[in-house]
Amino acid sequence: MLTKINDIAGLKIFMAGIYIHIPFCKKACFYCDFHFSVSFKKKKEIVGALIQEVISRTDFFKPKEIIRTIYFGGGTPSVLSLEELDDIMAAIHSHYTVAQDAEITFECNPDDLNFSFLQGLKFAGINRLSVGVQSFDDDHLSWMNRSHNAHQSIQCIHDAAQVGFNDITIDLIYGLPQLSNSVWESTVKKAFELPINHLSAYSLTLEENTPYSKLVKQKKYLKPLDDGSSEHYTILVELSQSLGWDHYEVSSFCKKENYARHNKSYWEGIKYLGIGPSAHSYDQEKRYWNVSSNDSYLDLSRQNGDYRDFEVLTISDQINEKLLTGLRTKWGVNQQSFKLKYGYDIYTLFEKEINYWVSIQWMVKKKENIRLTEVGFLFADHIASSMFVDV
């Protein structure tokens, strides 16, 4: 049921989101620890189970909670056929109240985005593309075991703009051990020349139980850069600022307030429902997670079993999560809203820590907000964890 927010008279509207995890990839990027399968044998069954979960989870939201964002992540959602995407979208619109101006994001790989597929995505209601570019260097893409080349990345983005996608974001990865500052600078400049309005950049990390981790232990591959990652990050920030882009979250940059609304809702603590194997949900009091196995997910779906586990978030958990997410953004954490929600004054609770981070210029205390500086962003998780509480 596609509903205009203004049509719901007399209700105080609360925004919410839906995340759909598509657990399939053509190839396994050797650094990735997300849940996915490279076997497509059970894709049709998984799509059916996803739709069943969409239909069965309607009680997660109340009538006054309107879906403002839908996000297809993975894995690689662009391995879906347009028919499968249409079926999932139809189930969502039939069973939830979706805002007319909802942001509907679709993660995709460049090699999947031919012109007709892009047109199909547009027709299906997708209005924001998140393209996994990662690099414009073919040797680096091969090293990461990506399934596309640089030419495909550039071509698909121009094609997407021609089809009529106004909101396009790309992902880049820095900190590769062989990535020089000059090549990274060239990569960033090339990205900003494309018809995109959002960029996410992530430092390569060494995750346990990944092929990359095993290769490093076997001394066949080098570790990600440490100091180099900081230099890459600084290059990115300086170039984005010179072009007037907004660095609004540690890893996120945009033009003219074209924020990623779905991701922004995570940082703001807005309720969301996760659909699919390994997907997480959050209702501001509990955090839920689905089983991280396609086979188990299917088995439990057939049996109408519960494939979710959950934890109840204590007040300490909620405060610590707010610090971890809020300090990642340019808005930081607001004193008044913090006290209203948690019952504590942030300046009293963290006086020692705030004064220290301010004294070394990693944090700014301004009126009712604390936020991190550009240097502080480099250490956002460390700063937040230094302020974790057990109240």
Protein backbone atom coordinates (compact mmCIF):
# COMPACT_ATOMS: atom_id res chain seq x y z
CA MET A 1 0.00 0.00 0.00
CA LEU A 2 1.84 3.08 -1.26
CA THR A 3 0.70 5.90 0.99
CA LYS A 4 1.44 9.58 1.17
CA ILE A 5 2.50 10.61 4.66
CA ASN A 6 0.18 13.61 4.50
CA ASP A 7 -2.79 11.28 3.87
CA ILE A 8 -2.52 9.82 7.37
CA ALA A 9 -4.52 12.38 9.28
CA GLY A 10 -4.42 12.79 13.01
CA LEU A 11 -1.38 10.59 13.61
CA LYS A 12 2.04 11.54 14.82
CA ILE A 13 4.20 9.87 12.18
CA PHE A 14 7.29 7.87 13.11
CA MET A 15 9.80 6.98 10.43
CA ALA A 16 11.21 3.50 9.99
CA GLY A 17 13.21 1.44 7.52
CA ILE A 18 13.47 -2.01 5.95
CA TYR A 19 16.74 -3.73 5.07
CA ILE A 20 16.73 -6.70 2.66
CA HIS A 21 19.82 -8.94 2.68
CA ILE A 22 20.46 -10.73 -0.62
CA PRO A 23 22.95 -13.48 0.35
CA PHE A 24 24.56 -14.21 -3.03
CA CYS A 25 27.67 -13.06 -4.90
CA LYS A 26 29.22 -14.11 -8.21
CA LYS A 27 32.68 -14.10 -6.63
CA ALA A 28 34.00 -13.88 -3.10
CA CYS A 29 35.96 -10.69 -2.47
CA PHE A 30 38.79 -12.04 -0.42
CA TYR A 31 38.56 -9.39 2.33
CA CYS A 32 34.78 -9.66 2.92
CA ASP A 33 33.26 -11.24 6.03
CA PHE A 34 29.59 -10.55 5.22
CA HIS A 35 27.27 -13.52 4.84
CA PHE A 36 26.84 -14.70 1.24
CA SER A 37 27.03 -17.75 -1.02
CA VAL A 38 28.58 -18.06 -4.49
CA SER A 39 26.22 -20.95 -5.28
CA PHE A 40 22.96 -19.79 -6.87
CA LYS A 41 21.22 -23.18 -6.69
CA LYS A 42 18.82 -22.05 -3.96
CA LYS A 43 18.36 -18.44 -5.06
CA LYS A 44 14.73 -18.93 -6.10
CA GLU A 45 13.93 -20.61 -2.77
CA ILE A 46 15.69 -17.88 -0.81
CA VAL A 47 13.74 -15.17 -2.63
CA GLY A 48 10.53 -17.01 -1.76
CA ALA A 49 11.59 -17.21 1.89
CA LEU A 50 12.48 -13.50 1.90
CA ILE A 51 8.99 -12.67 0.66
CA GLN A 52 7.49 -14.96 3.30
CA GLU A 53 9.48 -13.14 5.97
CA VAL A 54 8.38 -9.74 4.61
CA ILE A 55 4.76 -10.85 4.96
CA SER A 56 5.19 -12.46 8.39
CA ARG A 57 6.96 -9.50 10.04
CA THR A 58 4.24 -6.88 9.64
CA ASP A 59 3.69 -6.85 13.41
CA PHE A 60 7.20 -5.38 13.85
CA PHE A 61 5.77 -1.96 12.99
CA LYS A 62 2.84 -0.06 14.45
CA PRO A 63 0.26 1.71 12.23
CA LYS A 64 1.87 5.09 12.87
CA GLU A 65 5.31 3.87 11.72
CA ILE A 66 5.90 4.72 8.08
CA ILE A 67 8.61 3.14 5.92
CA ARG A 68 10.80 6.00 4.73
CA THR A 69 13.76 3.92 3.53
CA ILE A 70 14.21 0.51 1.91
CA TYR A 71 17.70 -0.82 1.38
CA PHE A 72 18.72 -3.86 -0.69
CA GLY A 73 22.15 -4.96 0.57
CA GLY A 74 24.21 -8.10 0.59
CA GLY A 75 25.90 -9.98 -0.80
CA THR A 76 25.09 -8.55 -4.20
CA PRO A 77 21.44 -7.56 -4.81
CA SER A 78 22.16 -7.01 -8.51
CA VAL A 79 22.29 -10.80 -8.99
CA LEU A 80 18.49 -10.72 -8.61
CA SER A 81 16.42 -10.88 -11.76
CA LEU A 82 14.04 -7.98 -12.33
CA GLU A 83 11.13 -10.39 -11.77
CA GLU A 84 12.52 -11.39 -8.37
CA LEU A 85 13.02 -7.75 -7.42
CA ASP A 86 9.47 -6.90 -8.52
CA ASP A 87 8.09 -9.72 -6.38
CA ILE A 88 9.93 -8.51 -3.27
CA MET A 89 8.90 -4.90 -3.87
CA ALA A 90 5.27 -5.94 -4.39
CA ALA A 91 5.26 -7.80 -1.08
CA ILE A 92 6.64 -4.76 0.76
CA HIS A 93 4.14 -2.35 -0.80
CA SER A 94 1.26 -4.76 -0.17
CA HIS A 95 1.95 -5.25 3.52
CA TYR A 96 3.58 -2.01 4.76
CA THR A 97 2.84 1.69 4.54
CA VAL A 98 5.60 3.13 2.38
CA ALA A 99 6.09 6.88 2.06
CA GLN A 100 5.67 8.27 -1.43
CA ASP A 101 9.11 9.88 -1.21
CA ALA A 102 10.80 6.83 0.30
CA GLU A 103 14.48 6.37 -0.47
CA ILE A 104 14.89 2.92 -2.05
CA THR A 105 18.56 1.95 -2.37
CA PHE A 106 19.93 -0.95 -4.38
CA GLU A 107 23.52 -2.17 -3.98
CA CYS A 108 25.03 -3.39 -7.24
CA ASN A 109 28.21 -4.43 -8.97
CA PRO A 110 29.26 -2.58 -12.14
CA ASP A 111 29.34 -5.71 -14.30
CA ASP A 112 25.63 -6.32 -13.62
CA LEU A 113 24.46 -2.88 -14.74
CA ASN A 114 23.71 -3.01 -18.43
CA PHE A 115 21.37 -0.38 -19.84
CA SER A 116 18.23 -2.54 -19.90
CA PHE A 117 18.78 -3.75 -16.32
CA LEU A 118 19.17 -0.14 -15.16
CA GLN A 119 15.91 0.75 -16.88
CA GLY A 120 14.26 -2.20 -15.14
CA LEU A 121 15.54 -1.07 -11.75
CA LYS A 122 14.15 2.40 -12.37
CA PHE A 123 10.77 0.98 -13.39
CA ALA A 124 10.73 -1.27 -10.28
CA GLY A 125 10.93 1.79 -8.03
CA ILE A 126 14.63 1.88 -7.18
CA ASN A 127 15.65 5.54 -6.87
CA ARG A 128 19.15 5.30 -5.40
CA LEU A 129 22.04 3.16 -6.63
CA SER A 130 24.99 2.12 -4.48
CA VAL A 131 27.70 0.90 -6.85
CA GLY A 132 30.58 -1.21 -5.52
CA VAL A 133 33.41 0.38 -7.50
CA GLN A 134 36.16 -0.06 -4.86
CA SER A 135 38.96 1.01 -7.23
CA PHE A 136 39.64 2.34 -10.75
CA ASP A 137 42.84 0.30 -11.00
CA ASP A 138 42.38 -3.06 -12.74
CA ASP A 139 45.35 -4.64 -10.97
CA HIS A 140 43.92 -3.66 -7.59
CA LEU A 141 40.48 -4.96 -8.55
CA SER A 142 42.01 -8.28 -9.57
CA TRP A 143 43.97 -8.40 -6.30
CA MET A 144 40.68 -8.00 -4.39
CA ASN A 145 39.03 -10.70 -6.56
CA ARG A 146 36.40 -8.26 -7.83
CA SER A 147 34.26 -9.36 -10.77
CA HIS A 148 34.45 -6.09 -12.75
CA ASN A 149 37.04 -3.77 -14.28
CA ALA A 150 37.50 -0.01 -14.14
CA HIS A 151 35.91 0.63 -17.53
CA GLN A 152 32.72 -1.14 -16.47
CA SER A 153 32.53 1.05 -13.35
CA ILE A 154 32.81 4.29 -15.28
CA GLN A 155 30.45 3.16 -18.05
CA CYS A 156 27.68 1.92 -15.74
CA ILE A 157 27.64 5.16 -13.75
CA HIS A 158 27.26 7.25 -16.90
CA ASP A 159 24.56 4.83 -18.10
CA ALA A 160 22.73 5.10 -14.77
CA ALA A 161 22.72 8.88 -15.01
CA GLN A 162 21.44 8.66 -18.58
CA VAL A 163 18.62 6.33 -17.50
CA GLY A 164 17.59 8.98 -14.98
CA PHE A 165 19.10 8.01 -11.65
CA ASN A 166 19.77 11.26 -9.79
CA ASP A 167 21.03 9.62 -6.60
CA ILE A 168 24.14 7.52 -7.20
CA THR A 169 26.73 6.61 -4.59
CA ILE A 170 29.92 4.61 -5.04
CA ASP A 171 32.14 2.72 -2.61
CA LEU A 172 35.92 3.01 -2.63
CA ILE A 173 38.51 1.12 -0.57
CA TYR A 174 41.82 2.58 0.60
CA GLY A 175 44.65 1.24 2.72
CA LEU A 176 45.66 -1.50 0.26
CA PRO A 177 49.33 -2.32 0.95
CA GLN A 178 50.28 -1.56 -2.68
CA LEU A 179 48.18 1.63 -2.99
CA SER A 180 50.39 4.72 -3.33
CA ASN A 181 49.23 8.18 -2.34
CA SER A 182 49.43 9.37 -5.95
CA VAL A 183 47.26 6.53 -7.27
CA TRP A 184 44.76 7.06 -4.46
CA GLU A 185 44.61 10.80 -5.20
CA SER A 186 43.97 10.01 -8.86
CA THR A 187 41.24 7.55 -7.84
CA VAL A 188 39.44 10.12 -5.70
CA LYS A 189 39.67 12.80 -8.40
CA LYS A 190 38.23 10.38 -10.95
CA ALA A 191 35.36 9.56 -8.59
CA PHE A 192 34.44 13.22 -8.15
CA GLU A 193 34.38 13.69 -11.93
CA LEU A 194 31.58 11.13 -12.27
CA PRO A 195 27.85 12.00 -12.12
CA ILE A 196 27.47 10.93 -8.49
CA ASN A 197 26.27 12.83 -5.44
CA HIS A 198 27.53 10.53 -2.68
CA LEU A 199 30.72 8.65 -1.90
CA SER A 200 31.55 6.10 0.81
CA ALA A 201 35.18 5.20 1.43
CA TYR A 202 36.39 2.45 3.74
CA SER A 203 39.79 1.44 4.97
CA LEU A 204 40.77 -2.13 4.11
CA THR A 205 40.56 -4.23 7.27
CA LEU A 206 41.87 -7.66 8.10
CA GLU A 207 38.83 -9.66 9.21
CA GLU A 208 39.14 -13.08 10.81
CA ASN A 209 38.07 -16.13 8.80
CA THR A 210 38.49 -14.45 5.43
CA PRO A 211 40.79 -15.57 2.61
CA TYR A 212 42.76 -12.36 3.11
CA SER A 213 43.41 -13.19 6.76
CA LYS A 214 44.62 -16.67 5.84
CA LEU A 215 46.93 -15.33 3.12
CA VAL A 216 48.46 -12.81 5.51
CA LYS A 217 49.06 -15.54 8.12
CA GLN A 218 50.74 -17.61 5.41
CA LYS A 219 52.90 -14.55 4.58
CA LYS A 220 51.65 -14.59 0.99
CA TYR A 221 49.96 -11.18 1.26
CA LEU A 222 50.87 -8.01 3.12
CA LYS A 223 48.70 -6.50 5.83
CA PRO A 224 46.64 -3.37 5.12
CA LEU A 225 48.48 -0.10 5.55
CA ASP A 226 48.33 1.66 8.92
CA ASP A 227 50.01 5.03 8.47
CA GLY A 228 49.17 4.88 4.78
CA SER A 229 45.48 4.56 5.54
CA SER A 230 45.62 7.79 7.53
CA GLU A 231 47.35 9.53 4.64
CA HIS A 232 44.78 8.20 2.18
CA TYR A 233 42.00 9.40 4.46
CA THR A 234 43.52 12.88 4.70
CA ILE A 235 43.84 13.09 0.90
CA LEU A 236 40.18 12.15 0.52
CA VAL A 237 38.98 14.67 3.09
CA GLU A 238 41.03 17.53 1.63
CA LEU A 239 39.92 16.84 -1.94
CA SER A 240 36.26 16.55 -0.94
CA GLN A 241 36.41 19.82 0.97
CA SER A 242 38.08 21.61 -1.92
CA LEU A 243 35.09 20.66 -4.09
CA GLY A 244 32.50 21.67 -1.51
CA TRP A 245 31.43 18.14 -0.60
CA ASP A 246 30.03 17.53 2.89
CA HIS A 247 31.96 15.09 5.08
CA TYR A 248 28.99 14.22 7.27
CA GLU A 249 30.04 10.81 8.66
CA VAL A 250 33.41 9.12 9.14
CA SER A 251 33.17 7.20 5.85
CA SER A 252 30.53 9.26 4.02
CA PHE A 253 30.68 12.31 1.76
CA CYS A 254 27.90 13.97 -0.24
CA LYS A 255 26.91 16.92 -2.40
CA LYS A 256 24.28 19.41 -1.24
CA GLU A 257 22.88 17.41 1.68
CA ASN A 258 22.33 14.28 -0.40
CA TYR A 259 22.75 12.16 2.71
CA ALA A 260 22.23 8.39 2.62
CA ARG A 261 18.93 8.51 4.45
CA HIS A 262 18.86 4.81 5.30
CA ASN A 263 22.35 4.78 6.80
CA LYS A 264 21.66 8.09 8.54
CA SER A 265 18.69 6.44 10.24
CA TYR A 266 21.04 3.83 11.74
CA TRP A 267 23.19 6.56 13.27
CA GLU A 268 20.11 8.34 14.57
CA GLY A 269 18.71 5.20 16.22
CA ILE A 270 15.59 4.93 14.05
CA LYS A 271 13.69 1.65 14.05
CA TYR A 272 14.36 -0.78 11.20
CA LEU A 273 13.43 -4.31 10.15
CA GLY A 274 16.01 -6.66 8.66
CA ILE A 275 14.90 -9.35 6.21
CA GLY A 276 16.98 -12.34 5.06
CA PRO A 277 19.80 -14.57 6.33
CA SER A 278 22.10 -12.68 8.78
CA ALA A 279 19.96 -9.51 8.65
CA HIS A 280 19.64 -7.44 11.82
CA SER A 281 16.61 -5.57 13.16
CA TYR A 282 16.34 -2.87 15.81
CA ASP A 283 13.26 -1.57 17.66
CA GLN A 284 15.09 0.82 20.07
CA GLU A 285 14.69 -1.66 22.93
CA LYS A 286 15.89 -4.92 21.39
CA ARG A 287 18.32 -5.94 18.67
CA TYR A 288 17.47 -9.00 16.58
CA TRP A 289 19.55 -11.02 14.15
CA ASN A 290 18.60 -13.76 11.71
CA VAL A 291 20.51 -16.99 11.37
CA SER A 292 23.62 -16.61 9.16
CA SER A 293 23.03 -19.68 7.02
CA ASN A 294 21.04 -19.94 3.82
CA ASP A 295 20.21 -23.61 4.48
CA SER A 296 19.10 -23.00 8.08
CA TYR A 297 17.12 -19.96 7.00
CA LEU A 298 15.29 -22.04 4.39
CA ASP A 299 14.68 -24.98 6.75
CA LEU A 300 13.24 -22.77 9.47
CA SER A 301 11.18 -20.86 6.92
CA ARG A 302 9.61 -24.11 5.67
CA GLN A 303 8.84 -25.13 9.26
CA ASN A 304 7.52 -21.67 10.18
CA GLY A 305 10.27 -21.69 12.79
CA ASP A 306 11.84 -18.63 14.37
CA TYR A 307 15.20 -17.94 12.78
CA ARG A 308 15.77 -14.83 14.87
CA ASP A 309 17.65 -14.38 18.11
CA PHE A 310 17.65 -11.16 20.11
CA GLU A 311 19.08 -9.25 23.02
CA VAL A 312 17.38 -6.71 25.26
CA LEU A 313 19.35 -3.47 25.28
CA THR A 314 20.08 -2.12 28.74
CA ILE A 315 20.31 1.62 29.33
CA SER A 316 24.10 1.22 29.25
CA ASP A 317 23.87 -0.58 25.89
CA GLN A 318 21.70 2.20 24.50
CA ILE A 319 24.04 4.95 25.74
CA ASN A 320 27.11 3.19 24.37
CA GLU A 321 25.47 2.63 20.99
CA LYS A 322 24.46 6.28 20.84
CA LEU A 323 28.06 7.34 21.49
CA LEU A 324 29.38 4.86 18.91
CA THR A 325 26.98 5.98 16.18
CA GLY A 326 26.45 9.64 17.05
CA LEU A 327 30.15 10.50 17.27
CA ARG A 328 30.64 9.09 13.76
CA THR A 329 28.61 12.00 12.34
CA LYS A 330 29.24 15.71 11.94
CA TRP A 331 26.23 16.37 14.19
CA GLY A 332 27.73 14.49 17.12
CA VAL A 333 25.64 13.97 20.25
CA ASN A 334 23.18 16.55 21.58
CA GLN A 335 23.10 17.23 25.32
CA GLN A 336 19.38 17.95 25.54
CA SER A 337 18.16 14.94 23.55
CA PHE A 338 20.66 12.70 25.36
CA LYS A 339 19.30 13.74 28.77
CA LEU A 340 15.70 13.47 27.61
CA LYS A 341 16.18 9.92 26.33
CA TYR A 342 18.61 8.44 28.87
CA GLY A 343 18.12 10.57 31.97
CA TYR A 344 21.78 11.61 32.26
CA ASP A 345 23.59 14.85 31.49
CA ILE A 346 26.28 14.06 28.97
CA TYR A 347 28.64 16.76 30.23
CA THR A 348 28.38 15.49 33.81
CA LEU A 349 28.64 11.82 32.87
CA PHE A 350 31.69 12.29 30.63
CA GLU A 351 33.28 15.48 31.96
CA LYS A 352 36.79 14.03 32.26
CA GLU A 353 36.75 12.32 28.86
CA ILE A 354 35.22 15.27 27.00
CA ASN A 355 37.72 17.72 28.48
CA TYR A 356 40.60 15.46 27.46
CA TRP A 357 39.47 14.92 23.85
CA VAL A 358 38.75 18.64 23.51
CA SER A 359 42.20 19.51 24.91
CA ILE A 360 43.99 17.53 22.16
CA GLN A 361 41.59 18.86 19.49
CA TRP A 362 39.96 15.56 18.61
CA MET A 363 36.59 16.79 19.86
CA VAL A 364 34.67 20.08 19.82
CA LYS A 365 32.27 21.11 22.56
CA LYS A 366 29.86 23.63 21.10
CA LYS A 367 26.74 24.80 22.91
CA GLU A 368 24.69 21.64 23.42
CA ASN A 369 26.67 19.34 21.16
CA ILE A 370 29.86 17.36 21.29
CA ARG A 371 31.29 16.29 17.95
CA LEU A 372 34.59 15.06 16.60
CA THR A 373 37.06 17.03 14.50
CA GLU A 374 38.40 15.69 11.20
CA VAL A 375 41.38 14.26 13.09
CA GLY A 376 39.03 12.85 15.71
CA PHE A 377 37.10 11.04 12.97
CA LEU A 378 40.20 8.91 12.41
CA PHE A 379 39.81 7.56 15.94
CA ALA A 380 36.01 7.67 16.28
CA ASP A 381 35.55 4.12 17.59
CA HIS A 382 38.41 4.51 20.07
CA ILE A 383 37.04 7.80 21.39
CA ALA A 384 33.51 6.43 21.73
CA SER A 385 34.69 3.27 23.50
CA SER A 386 36.70 5.37 25.98
CA MET A 387 33.39 6.83 27.10
CA PHE A 388 31.43 3.56 27.38
CA VAL A 389 29.49 3.26 30.63
CA ASP A 390 27.92 0.62 32.82
CA VAL A 391 25.23 2.53 34.71
